[in-house]
């Protein structure tokens, strides 16, 4: 079990799915969790689960990632209270629609790019100075196989995930001489609401539960993790491969 006692961890999309269970796993390992999501009830459920597991009460930050001013203020609030950030898990994202590119409405495409890409960049900009104040800052950017497969009808989501991988690799290159380590991770097919939205006919019981995936992500944000700028891939409930950048 990784010991994250004294570490400050920020998780976006923490009200359900992979974000929820990653936040819970971080808290069980001793971290002070800052949990962000739009759904207040989901965040409160997470806090109850953390306290029931013996973790520190979470700091709940309900807001929409499309609110760029709120993202900017988040970094300032973390600095004022803790003066640093040790772990970032940028998990929040939206699917958009499964549709031919030419049929995607402009407002749908723009929402996917705003939440998945622009908000991730804004979050990086907001917390980068805080992560650099940590003795072992770790950032994990959630991606998807869609970024590489580019399947027909998945255009907006695929493009957004390719973009966040590019942001992560660029950020890693800029900070490679610092203690800060930055990774992307493709969690694979997981039993989440987004997966059900994307593939409604699939039997969810055939997929790993998000709690299983979260346990595999935990070592990627621990102080002993030394890789940076790489994409790790979770398959069959374990990390089986990673791709080196060119």
C-alpha atoms as a PDB file:
ATOM      1  CA  UNK A   1       0.000   0.000   0.000  1.00  0.00           C
ATOM      2  CA  UNK A   2       1.347   3.409  -0.964  1.00  0.00           C
ATOM      3  CA  UNK A   3       1.657   5.864   1.920  1.00  0.00           C
ATOM      4  CA  UNK A   4       0.437   9.323   0.894  1.00  0.00           C
ATOM      5  CA  UNK A   5       0.209  10.771   4.390  1.00  0.00           C
ATOM      6  CA  UNK A   6       0.680  14.517   4.270  1.00  0.00           C
ATOM      7  CA  UNK A   7       0.167  14.720   0.502  1.00  0.00           C
ATOM      8  CA  UNK A   8      -2.402  17.118  -0.964  1.00  0.00           C
ATOM      9  CA  UNK A   9      -4.308  15.654  -3.928  1.00  0.00           C
ATOM     10  CA  UNK A  10      -6.697  17.387  -6.335  1.00  0.00           C
ATOM     11  CA  UNK A  11      -9.121  15.211  -8.322  1.00  0.00           C
ATOM     12  CA  UNK A  12     -11.532  16.531 -10.945  1.00  0.00           C
ATOM     13  CA  UNK A  13     -14.684  14.673 -11.903  1.00  0.00           C
ATOM     14  CA  UNK A  14     -14.682  13.222  -8.388  1.00  0.00           C
ATOM     15  CA  UNK A  15     -18.427  12.751  -7.936  1.00  0.00           C
ATOM     16  CA  UNK A  16     -18.630   9.413  -9.775  1.00  0.00           C
ATOM     17  CA  UNK A  17     -16.772   6.782 -11.763  1.00  0.00           C
ATOM     18  CA  UNK A  18     -13.001   6.681 -11.963  1.00  0.00           C
ATOM     19  CA  UNK A  19     -12.647  10.108 -10.350  1.00  0.00           C
ATOM     20  CA  UNK A  20     -14.741   9.113  -7.333  1.00  0.00           C
ATOM     21  CA  UNK A  21     -12.871   5.897  -6.669  1.00  0.00           C
ATOM     22  CA  UNK A  22      -9.454   7.426  -7.342  1.00  0.00           C
ATOM     23  CA  UNK A  23     -10.210  10.147  -4.804  1.00  0.00           C
ATOM     24  CA  UNK A  24     -11.331   7.486  -2.330  1.00  0.00           C
ATOM     25  CA  UNK A  25      -8.176   5.425  -2.922  1.00  0.00           C
ATOM     26  CA  UNK A  26      -5.990   8.502  -2.432  1.00  0.00           C
ATOM     27  CA  UNK A  27      -7.741   9.284   0.847  1.00  0.00           C
ATOM     28  CA  UNK A  28      -7.397   5.706   2.059  1.00  0.00           C
ATOM     29  CA  UNK A  29      -3.652   6.020   1.393  1.00  0.00           C
ATOM     30  CA  UNK A  30      -3.543   9.064   3.678  1.00  0.00           C
ATOM     31  CA  UNK A  31      -3.831  11.997   1.262  1.00  0.00           C
ATOM     32  CA  UNK A  32      -5.841  15.128   1.903  1.00  0.00           C
ATOM     33  CA  UNK A  33      -8.229  15.126  -1.061  1.00  0.00           C
ATOM     34  CA  UNK A  34      -9.593  18.199  -2.815  1.00  0.00           C
ATOM     35  CA  UNK A  35     -12.558  16.861  -4.779  1.00  0.00           C
ATOM     36  CA  UNK A  36     -14.036  18.810  -7.700  1.00  0.00           C
ATOM     37  CA  UNK A  37     -17.207  18.071  -9.659  1.00  0.00           C
ATOM     38  CA  UNK A  38     -20.480  19.641 -10.704  1.00  0.00           C
ATOM     39  CA  UNK A  39     -22.666  17.306  -8.628  1.00  0.00           C
ATOM     40  CA  UNK A  40     -22.822  18.333  -4.974  1.00  0.00           C
ATOM     41  CA  UNK A  41     -24.594  15.142  -3.902  1.00  0.00           C
ATOM     42  CA  UNK A  42     -21.899  12.960  -5.447  1.00  0.00           C
ATOM     43  CA  UNK A  43     -19.176  14.935  -3.695  1.00  0.00           C
ATOM     44  CA  UNK A  44     -20.966  14.609  -0.375  1.00  0.00           C
ATOM     45  CA  UNK A  45     -21.294  10.854  -0.908  1.00  0.00           C
ATOM     46  CA  UNK A  46     -17.548  10.721  -1.585  1.00  0.00           C
ATOM     47  CA  UNK A  47     -16.787  12.623   1.607  1.00  0.00           C
ATOM     48  CA  UNK A  48     -18.969  10.212   3.596  1.00  0.00           C
ATOM     49  CA  UNK A  49     -17.160   7.234   2.025  1.00  0.00           C
ATOM     50  CA  UNK A  50     -13.747   8.752   2.789  1.00  0.00           C
ATOM     51  CA  UNK A  51     -14.619   9.376   6.425  1.00  0.00           C
ATOM     52  CA  UNK A  52     -16.137   5.897   6.750  1.00  0.00           C
ATOM     53  CA  UNK A  53     -12.830   4.494   5.490  1.00  0.00           C
ATOM     54  CA  UNK A  54     -10.891   6.474   8.104  1.00  0.00           C
ATOM     55  CA  UNK A  55      -9.560   9.134   5.735  1.00  0.00           C
ATOM     56  CA  UNK A  56      -9.300  12.862   6.304  1.00  0.00           C
ATOM     57  CA  UNK A  57     -12.491  14.771   5.477  1.00  0.00           C
ATOM     58  CA  UNK A  58     -12.309  15.902   1.864  1.00  0.00           C
ATOM     59  CA  UNK A  59     -12.340  19.501   0.736  1.00  0.00           C
ATOM     60  CA  UNK A  60     -15.311  19.670  -1.638  1.00  0.00           C
ATOM     61  CA  UNK A  61     -15.250  22.147  -4.514  1.00  0.00           C
ATOM     62  CA  UNK A  62     -18.458  22.013  -6.557  1.00  0.00           C
ATOM     63  CA  UNK A  63     -18.111  23.849  -9.870  1.00  0.00           C
ATOM     64  CA  UNK A  64     -18.385  23.360 -13.614  1.00  0.00           C
ATOM     65  CA  UNK A  65     -15.057  22.981 -15.413  1.00  0.00           C
ATOM     66  CA  UNK A  66     -16.421  25.250 -18.117  1.00  0.00           C
ATOM     67  CA  UNK A  67     -16.119  28.050 -15.531  1.00  0.00           C
ATOM     68  CA  UNK A  68     -12.570  29.201 -16.265  1.00  0.00           C
ATOM     69  CA  UNK A  69     -12.603  31.878 -13.562  1.00  0.00           C
ATOM     70  CA  UNK A  70     -13.409  29.211 -10.974  1.00  0.00           C
ATOM     71  CA  UNK A  71     -10.417  27.153 -12.141  1.00  0.00           C
ATOM     72  CA  UNK A  72      -8.146  30.178 -11.756  1.00  0.00           C
ATOM     73  CA  UNK A  73      -9.494  30.840  -8.257  1.00  0.00           C
ATOM     74  CA  UNK A  74      -8.974  27.194  -7.271  1.00  0.00           C
ATOM     75  CA  UNK A  75      -5.206  27.491  -7.587  1.00  0.00           C
ATOM     76  CA  UNK A  76      -5.199  30.612  -5.449  1.00  0.00           C
ATOM     77  CA  UNK A  77      -7.342  28.976  -2.783  1.00  0.00           C
ATOM     78  CA  UNK A  78      -5.052  25.938  -2.608  1.00  0.00           C
ATOM     79  CA  UNK A  79      -2.022  28.213  -2.312  1.00  0.00           C
ATOM     80  CA  UNK A  80      -3.630  30.195   0.492  1.00  0.00           C
ATOM     81  CA  UNK A  81      -4.568  27.110   2.513  1.00  0.00           C
ATOM     82  CA  UNK A  82      -1.715  24.671   1.856  1.00  0.00           C
ATOM     83  CA  UNK A  83       0.957  26.533  -0.146  1.00  0.00           C
ATOM     84  CA  UNK A  84       1.497  23.541  -2.441  1.00  0.00           C
ATOM     85  CA  UNK A  85      -0.126  20.672  -4.293  1.00  0.00           C
ATOM     86  CA  UNK A  86       1.399  17.185  -4.438  1.00  0.00           C
ATOM     87  CA  UNK A  87      -0.965  15.325  -6.779  1.00  0.00           C
ATOM     88  CA  UNK A  88      -3.234  16.323  -9.642  1.00  0.00           C
ATOM     89  CA  UNK A  89      -5.611  13.807 -11.214  1.00  0.00           C
ATOM     90  CA  UNK A  90      -7.258  15.546 -14.191  1.00  0.00           C
ATOM     91  CA  UNK A  91     -10.077  13.094 -14.755  1.00  0.00           C
ATOM     92  CA  UNK A  92     -13.180  15.126 -15.639  1.00  0.00           C
ATOM     93  CA  UNK A  93     -14.407  14.998 -19.208  1.00  0.00           C
ATOM     94  CA  UNK A  94     -17.441  14.749 -21.454  1.00  0.00           C
ATOM     95  CA  UNK A  95     -18.158  12.458 -24.393  1.00  0.00           C
ATOM     96  CA  UNK A  96     -20.182  14.758 -26.622  1.00  0.00           C
ATOM     97  CA  UNK A  97     -21.970  12.725 -29.290  1.00  0.00           C
ATOM     98  CA  UNK A  98     -21.220   9.670 -31.401  1.00  0.00           C
ATOM     99  CA  UNK A  99     -21.895  11.125 -34.828  1.00  0.00           C
ATOM    100  CA  UNK A 100     -20.369  11.793 -38.255  1.00  0.00           C
ATOM    101  CA  UNK A 101     -18.099  14.839 -38.004  1.00  0.00           C
ATOM    102  CA  UNK A 102     -20.203  16.787 -40.462  1.00  0.00           C
ATOM    103  CA  UNK A 103     -23.321  16.260 -38.342  1.00  0.00           C
ATOM    104  CA  UNK A 104     -21.848  17.418 -35.015  1.00  0.00           C
ATOM    105  CA  UNK A 105     -23.442  20.650 -33.855  1.00  0.00           C
ATOM    106  CA  UNK A 106     -21.032  23.497 -33.206  1.00  0.00           C
ATOM    107  CA  UNK A 107     -22.201  23.916 -29.616  1.00  0.00           C
ATOM    108  CA  UNK A 108     -21.548  20.217 -28.913  1.00  0.00           C
ATOM    109  CA  UNK A 109     -18.046  20.303 -30.409  1.00  0.00           C
ATOM    110  CA  UNK A 110     -17.225  23.483 -28.527  1.00  0.00           C
ATOM    111  CA  UNK A 111     -18.417  22.004 -25.209  1.00  0.00           C
ATOM    112  CA  UNK A 112     -16.229  18.917 -25.647  1.00  0.00           C
ATOM    113  CA  UNK A 113     -13.197  21.070 -26.402  1.00  0.00           C
ATOM    114  CA  UNK A 114     -13.973  23.498 -23.575  1.00  0.00           C
ATOM    115  CA  UNK A 115     -14.363  20.855 -20.868  1.00  0.00           C
ATOM    116  CA  UNK A 116     -11.819  18.289 -22.075  1.00  0.00           C
ATOM    117  CA  UNK A 117      -9.077  20.517 -23.487  1.00  0.00           C
ATOM    118  CA  UNK A 118      -9.335  24.185 -22.534  1.00  0.00           C
ATOM    119  CA  UNK A 119     -10.261  23.425 -18.933  1.00  0.00           C
ATOM    120  CA  UNK A 120      -7.354  20.962 -18.664  1.00  0.00           C
ATOM    121  CA  UNK A 121      -4.949  23.625 -19.922  1.00  0.00           C
ATOM    122  CA  UNK A 122      -6.454  26.172 -17.539  1.00  0.00           C
ATOM    123  CA  UNK A 123      -6.131  23.692 -14.666  1.00  0.00           C
ATOM    124  CA  UNK A 124      -2.496  23.016 -15.535  1.00  0.00           C
ATOM    125  CA  UNK A 125      -1.813  26.746 -15.605  1.00  0.00           C
ATOM    126  CA  UNK A 126      -3.536  27.211 -12.250  1.00  0.00           C
ATOM    127  CA  UNK A 127      -1.771  24.432 -10.332  1.00  0.00           C
ATOM    128  CA  UNK A 128       1.630  24.152 -12.028  1.00  0.00           C
ATOM    129  CA  UNK A 129       3.281  26.589  -9.544  1.00  0.00           C
ATOM    130  CA  UNK A 130       1.739  24.632  -6.648  1.00  0.00           C
ATOM    131  CA  UNK A 131       2.986  21.278  -7.939  1.00  0.00           C
ATOM    132  CA  UNK A 132       6.441  22.781  -8.299  1.00  0.00           C
ATOM    133  CA  UNK A 133       6.355  23.626  -4.578  1.00  0.00           C
ATOM    134  CA  UNK A 134       6.029  19.912  -3.777  1.00  0.00           C
ATOM    135  CA  UNK A 135       9.091  17.748  -3.187  1.00  0.00           C
ATOM    136  CA  UNK A 136       7.506  15.148  -5.491  1.00  0.00           C
ATOM    137  CA  UNK A 137       4.709  16.726  -7.520  1.00  0.00           C
ATOM    138  CA  UNK A 138       2.758  14.237  -9.623  1.00  0.00           C
ATOM    139  CA  UNK A 139       0.184  14.955 -12.355  1.00  0.00           C
ATOM    140  CA  UNK A 140      -1.969  12.319 -14.013  1.00  0.00           C
ATOM    141  CA  UNK A 141      -3.946  13.319 -17.092  1.00  0.00           C
ATOM    142  CA  UNK A 142      -6.722  10.870 -18.018  1.00  0.00           C
ATOM    143  CA  UNK A 143      -6.780  10.003 -21.711  1.00  0.00           C
ATOM    144  CA  UNK A 144      -8.388   7.280 -23.819  1.00  0.00           C
ATOM    145  CA  UNK A 145      -7.585   4.831 -26.578  1.00  0.00           C
ATOM    146  CA  UNK A 146      -9.852   7.056 -28.699  1.00  0.00           C
ATOM    147  CA  UNK A 147      -6.922   9.474 -29.006  1.00  0.00           C
ATOM    148  CA  UNK A 148      -5.054   6.875 -31.096  1.00  0.00           C
ATOM    149  CA  UNK A 149      -7.747   4.701 -32.647  1.00  0.00           C
ATOM    150  CA  UNK A 150      -9.715   7.670 -34.049  1.00  0.00           C
ATOM    151  CA  UNK A 151     -12.700   5.463 -34.746  1.00  0.00           C
ATOM    152  CA  UNK A 152     -15.400   6.713 -37.132  1.00  0.00           C
ATOM    153  CA  UNK A 153     -18.061   8.855 -35.422  1.00  0.00           C
ATOM    154  CA  UNK A 154     -15.883   9.590 -32.378  1.00  0.00           C
ATOM    155  CA  UNK A 155     -14.303  12.748 -33.829  1.00  0.00           C
ATOM    156  CA  UNK A 156     -14.798  15.360 -31.069  1.00  0.00           C
ATOM    157  CA  UNK A 157     -13.879  13.042 -28.193  1.00  0.00           C
ATOM    158  CA  UNK A 158     -10.901  11.519 -30.041  1.00  0.00           C
ATOM    159  CA  UNK A 159      -9.568  14.950 -30.955  1.00  0.00           C
ATOM    160  CA  UNK A 160      -9.957  16.210 -27.395  1.00  0.00           C
ATOM    161  CA  UNK A 161      -8.064  13.272 -25.880  1.00  0.00           C
ATOM    162  CA  UNK A 162      -5.262  13.575 -28.436  1.00  0.00           C
ATOM    163  CA  UNK A 163      -5.013  17.236 -27.457  1.00  0.00           C
ATOM    164  CA  UNK A 164      -4.748  16.594 -23.712  1.00  0.00           C
ATOM    165  CA  UNK A 165      -2.041  13.984 -24.319  1.00  0.00           C
ATOM    166  CA  UNK A 166      -0.124  16.620 -26.290  1.00  0.00           C
ATOM    167  CA  UNK A 167      -0.537  19.080 -23.424  1.00  0.00           C
ATOM    168  CA  UNK A 168       0.739  16.513 -20.916  1.00  0.00           C
ATOM    169  CA  UNK A 169       3.802  15.593 -22.983  1.00  0.00           C
ATOM    170  CA  UNK A 170       4.649  19.234 -23.610  1.00  0.00           C
ATOM    171  CA  UNK A 171       4.289  20.056 -19.903  1.00  0.00           C
ATOM    172  CA  UNK A 172       6.460  17.070 -19.017  1.00  0.00           C
ATOM    173  CA  UNK A 173       9.174  18.226 -21.408  1.00  0.00           C
ATOM    174  CA  UNK A 174       9.149  21.704 -19.926  1.00  0.00           C
ATOM    175  CA  UNK A 175       9.516  20.412 -16.354  1.00  0.00           C
ATOM    176  CA  UNK A 176      11.727  17.355 -16.836  1.00  0.00           C
ATOM    177  CA  UNK A 177      14.580  18.896 -14.816  1.00  0.00           C
ATOM    178  CA  UNK A 178      12.257  19.441 -11.848  1.00  0.00           C
ATOM    179  CA  UNK A 179      10.936  16.919  -9.291  1.00  0.00           C
ATOM    180  CA  UNK A 180       7.522  17.232 -10.986  1.00  0.00           C
ATOM    181  CA  UNK A 181       6.506  14.110 -12.951  1.00  0.00           C
ATOM    182  CA  UNK A 182       3.634  14.139 -15.469  1.00  0.00           C
ATOM    183  CA  UNK A 183       1.918  11.137 -17.056  1.00  0.00           C
ATOM    184  CA  UNK A 184      -1.076  10.395 -19.241  1.00  0.00           C
ATOM    185  CA  UNK A 185      -3.078   7.244 -18.654  1.00  0.00           C
ATOM    186  CA  UNK A 186      -5.607   5.362 -20.740  1.00  0.00           C
ATOM    187  CA  UNK A 187      -7.737   3.532 -18.150  1.00  0.00           C
ATOM    188  CA  UNK A 188      -9.324   1.234 -20.712  1.00  0.00           C
ATOM    189  CA  UNK A 189     -12.948   0.195 -20.941  1.00  0.00           C
ATOM    190  CA  UNK A 190     -14.484   0.746 -17.494  1.00  0.00           C
ATOM    191  CA  UNK A 191     -17.955   0.406 -15.994  1.00  0.00           C
ATOM    192  CA  UNK A 192     -18.855   4.102 -16.026  1.00  0.00           C
ATOM    193  CA  UNK A 193     -21.791   6.262 -17.053  1.00  0.00           C
ATOM    194  CA  UNK A 194     -19.771   7.689 -19.949  1.00  0.00           C
ATOM    195  CA  UNK A 195     -19.041   4.202 -21.264  1.00  0.00           C
ATOM    196  CA  UNK A 196     -22.737   3.333 -21.080  1.00  0.00           C
ATOM    197  CA  UNK A 197     -23.548   6.509 -22.993  1.00  0.00           C
ATOM    198  CA  UNK A 198     -20.992   5.672 -25.686  1.00  0.00           C
ATOM    199  CA  UNK A 199     -21.862   1.973 -26.069  1.00  0.00           C
ATOM    200  CA  UNK A 200     -25.411   1.511 -24.717  1.00  0.00           C
ATOM    201  CA  UNK A 201     -25.778  -2.130 -25.772  1.00  0.00           C
ATOM    202  CA  UNK A 202     -22.732  -3.348 -23.857  1.00  0.00           C
ATOM    203  CA  UNK A 203     -23.110  -5.490 -20.732  1.00  0.00           C
ATOM    204  CA  UNK A 204     -21.487  -3.386 -17.967  1.00  0.00           C
ATOM    205  CA  UNK A 205     -20.803  -6.486 -15.879  1.00  0.00           C
ATOM    206  CA  UNK A 206     -18.164  -7.518 -18.437  1.00  0.00           C
ATOM    207  CA  UNK A 207     -16.118  -4.404 -17.642  1.00  0.00           C
ATOM    208  CA  UNK A 208     -13.825  -3.636 -14.695  1.00  0.00           C
ATOM    209  CA  UNK A 209     -15.389  -1.603 -11.913  1.00  0.00           C
ATOM    210  CA  UNK A 210     -13.891   1.906 -11.577  1.00  0.00           C
ATOM    211  CA  UNK A 211     -12.626   1.022  -8.100  1.00  0.00           C
ATOM    212  CA  UNK A 212     -10.421  -1.680  -9.662  1.00  0.00           C
ATOM    213  CA  UNK A 213      -9.012   0.813 -12.156  1.00  0.00           C
ATOM    214  CA  UNK A 214      -8.417   3.407  -9.432  1.00  0.00           C
ATOM    215  CA  UNK A 215      -6.212   0.998  -7.484  1.00  0.00           C
ATOM    216  CA  UNK A 216      -3.997   0.619 -10.556  1.00  0.00           C
ATOM    217  CA  UNK A 217      -3.676   4.389 -10.965  1.00  0.00           C
ATOM    218  CA  UNK A 218      -2.480   4.987  -7.413  1.00  0.00           C
ATOM    219  CA  UNK A 219       1.182   3.961  -7.977  1.00  0.00           C
ATOM    220  CA  UNK A 220       1.404   6.452 -10.858  1.00  0.00           C
ATOM    221  CA  UNK A 221       1.023   9.402  -8.475  1.00  0.00           C
ATOM    222  CA  UNK A 222       3.198   8.143  -5.638  1.00  0.00           C
ATOM    223  CA  UNK A 223       6.529   9.791  -4.720  1.00  0.00           C
ATOM    224  CA  UNK A 224       8.430   6.708  -5.945  1.00  0.00           C
ATOM    225  CA  UNK A 225       7.081   7.045  -9.496  1.00  0.00           C
ATOM    226  CA  UNK A 226       9.883   8.542 -11.600  1.00  0.00           C
ATOM    227  CA  UNK A 227       8.678   8.388 -15.214  1.00  0.00           C
ATOM    228  CA  UNK A 228       7.494  11.532 -16.976  1.00  0.00           C
ATOM    229  CA  UNK A 229       5.994  12.364 -20.343  1.00  0.00           C
ATOM    230  CA  UNK A 230       4.711   8.836 -20.966  1.00  0.00           C
ATOM    231  CA  UNK A 231       1.348   7.262 -21.659  1.00  0.00           C
ATOM    232  CA  UNK A 232       0.450   4.308 -19.466  1.00  0.00           C
ATOM    233  CA  UNK A 233      -2.299   1.900 -20.460  1.00  0.00           C
ATOM    234  CA  UNK A 234      -4.520  -0.139 -18.132  1.00  0.00           C
ATOM    235  CA  UNK A 235      -5.772  -3.393 -19.625  1.00  0.00           C
ATOM    236  CA  UNK A 236      -7.325  -6.417 -17.974  1.00  0.00           C
ATOM    237  CA  UNK A 237      -7.195  -4.676 -14.607  1.00  0.00           C
ATOM    238  CA  UNK A 238      -3.451  -4.046 -14.686  1.00  0.00           C
ATOM    239  CA  UNK A 239      -0.967  -1.712 -16.326  1.00  0.00           C
ATOM    240  CA  UNK A 240       0.343  -3.810 -19.188  1.00  0.00           C
ATOM    241  CA  UNK A 241       2.082  -1.390 -21.498  1.00  0.00           C
ATOM    242  CA  UNK A 242       3.270   2.141 -22.037  1.00  0.00           C
ATOM    243  CA  UNK A 243       4.347   4.043 -25.085  1.00  0.00           C
ATOM    244  CA  UNK A 244       7.484   6.099 -25.199  1.00  0.00           C
ATOM    245  CA  UNK A 245       7.223   9.537 -26.802  1.00  0.00           C
ATOM    246  CA  UNK A 246       9.046   9.914 -30.113  1.00  0.00           C
END
